[in-house]
Protein backbone atom coordinates (compact mmCIF):
# COMPACT_ATOMS: atom_id res chain seq x y z
CA UNK A 1 0.00 0.00 0.00
CA UNK A 2 1.71 3.21 1.21
CA UNK A 3 0.13 5.51 -1.34
CA UNK A 4 -0.69 8.28 1.15
CA UNK A 5 1.70 10.80 2.70
CA UNK A 6 0.77 12.41 6.01
CA UNK A 7 1.32 16.17 6.10
CA UNK A 8 0.98 18.30 9.19
CA UNK A 9 -1.04 21.50 9.11
CA UNK A 10 1.25 24.54 9.07
CA UNK A 11 0.20 27.97 10.33
CA UNK A 12 1.07 31.23 8.56
CA UNK A 13 3.99 31.58 10.99
CA UNK A 14 5.40 28.16 10.07
CA UNK A 15 4.30 26.35 13.22
CA UNK A 16 2.94 22.80 13.07
CA UNK A 17 0.76 22.47 16.18
CA UNK A 18 -0.25 18.84 15.66
CA UNK A 19 3.36 17.74 15.08
CA UNK A 20 4.50 19.80 18.07
CA UNK A 21 1.86 18.03 20.18
CA UNK A 22 3.07 14.61 19.04
CA UNK A 23 6.67 15.53 19.81
CA UNK A 24 5.70 16.79 23.30
CA UNK A 25 4.46 13.35 24.38
CA UNK A 26 6.50 10.89 26.42
CA UNK A 27 8.59 8.36 24.50
CA UNK A 28 6.06 5.51 24.63
CA UNK A 29 3.09 7.60 23.53
CA UNK A 30 5.14 9.38 20.86
CA UNK A 31 6.10 5.99 19.38
CA UNK A 32 2.44 4.90 19.38
CA UNK A 33 1.29 8.12 17.73
CA UNK A 34 3.92 8.12 14.99
CA UNK A 35 3.17 4.41 14.43
CA UNK A 36 -0.45 5.40 13.98
CA UNK A 37 0.57 8.02 11.41
CA UNK A 38 2.41 5.23 9.54
CA UNK A 39 -0.76 3.11 9.59
CA UNK A 40 -2.70 6.11 8.30
CA UNK A 41 -0.25 6.46 5.41
CA UNK A 42 -0.81 2.78 4.56
CA UNK A 43 -4.61 2.82 4.71
CA UNK A 44 -5.43 6.47 4.00
CA UNK A 45 -9.11 7.26 3.99
CA UNK A 46 -9.96 3.57 4.50
CA UNK A 47 -8.63 3.61 8.07
CA UNK A 48 -11.43 2.94 10.56
CA UNK A 49 -11.98 2.18 14.24
CA UNK A 50 -10.23 1.58 16.50
CA UNK A 51 -7.57 3.76 14.82
CA UNK A 52 -9.84 6.43 13.38
CA UNK A 53 -13.31 7.75 14.10
CA UNK A 54 -15.46 10.12 12.00
CA UNK A 55 -16.21 13.55 13.47
CA UNK A 56 -18.26 15.33 10.78
CA UNK A 57 -18.08 16.70 7.24
CA UNK A 58 -15.58 14.02 6.18
CA UNK A 59 -13.18 14.84 9.02
CA UNK A 60 -11.72 11.95 11.01
CA UNK A 61 -9.70 11.86 14.22
CA UNK A 62 -6.79 9.53 14.87
CA UNK A 63 -7.19 7.62 18.11
CA UNK A 64 -4.49 6.14 20.34
CA UNK A 65 -4.87 4.51 23.72
CA UNK A 66 -2.44 5.29 26.51
């Protein structure tokens, strides 16, 4: 698979709040979250629960358990 490439939202000032959040987590959680991003890149918009859950208007959240 691997046809998708995750990109982090970037503000007008060059900040990437979602990536900064991921990097602020402890080592174990950071590894889980970046692993989840890898899974997202593999499955793209076909990723479903328990890894992803729809919010609204075609927007999905990534979900990781501590």
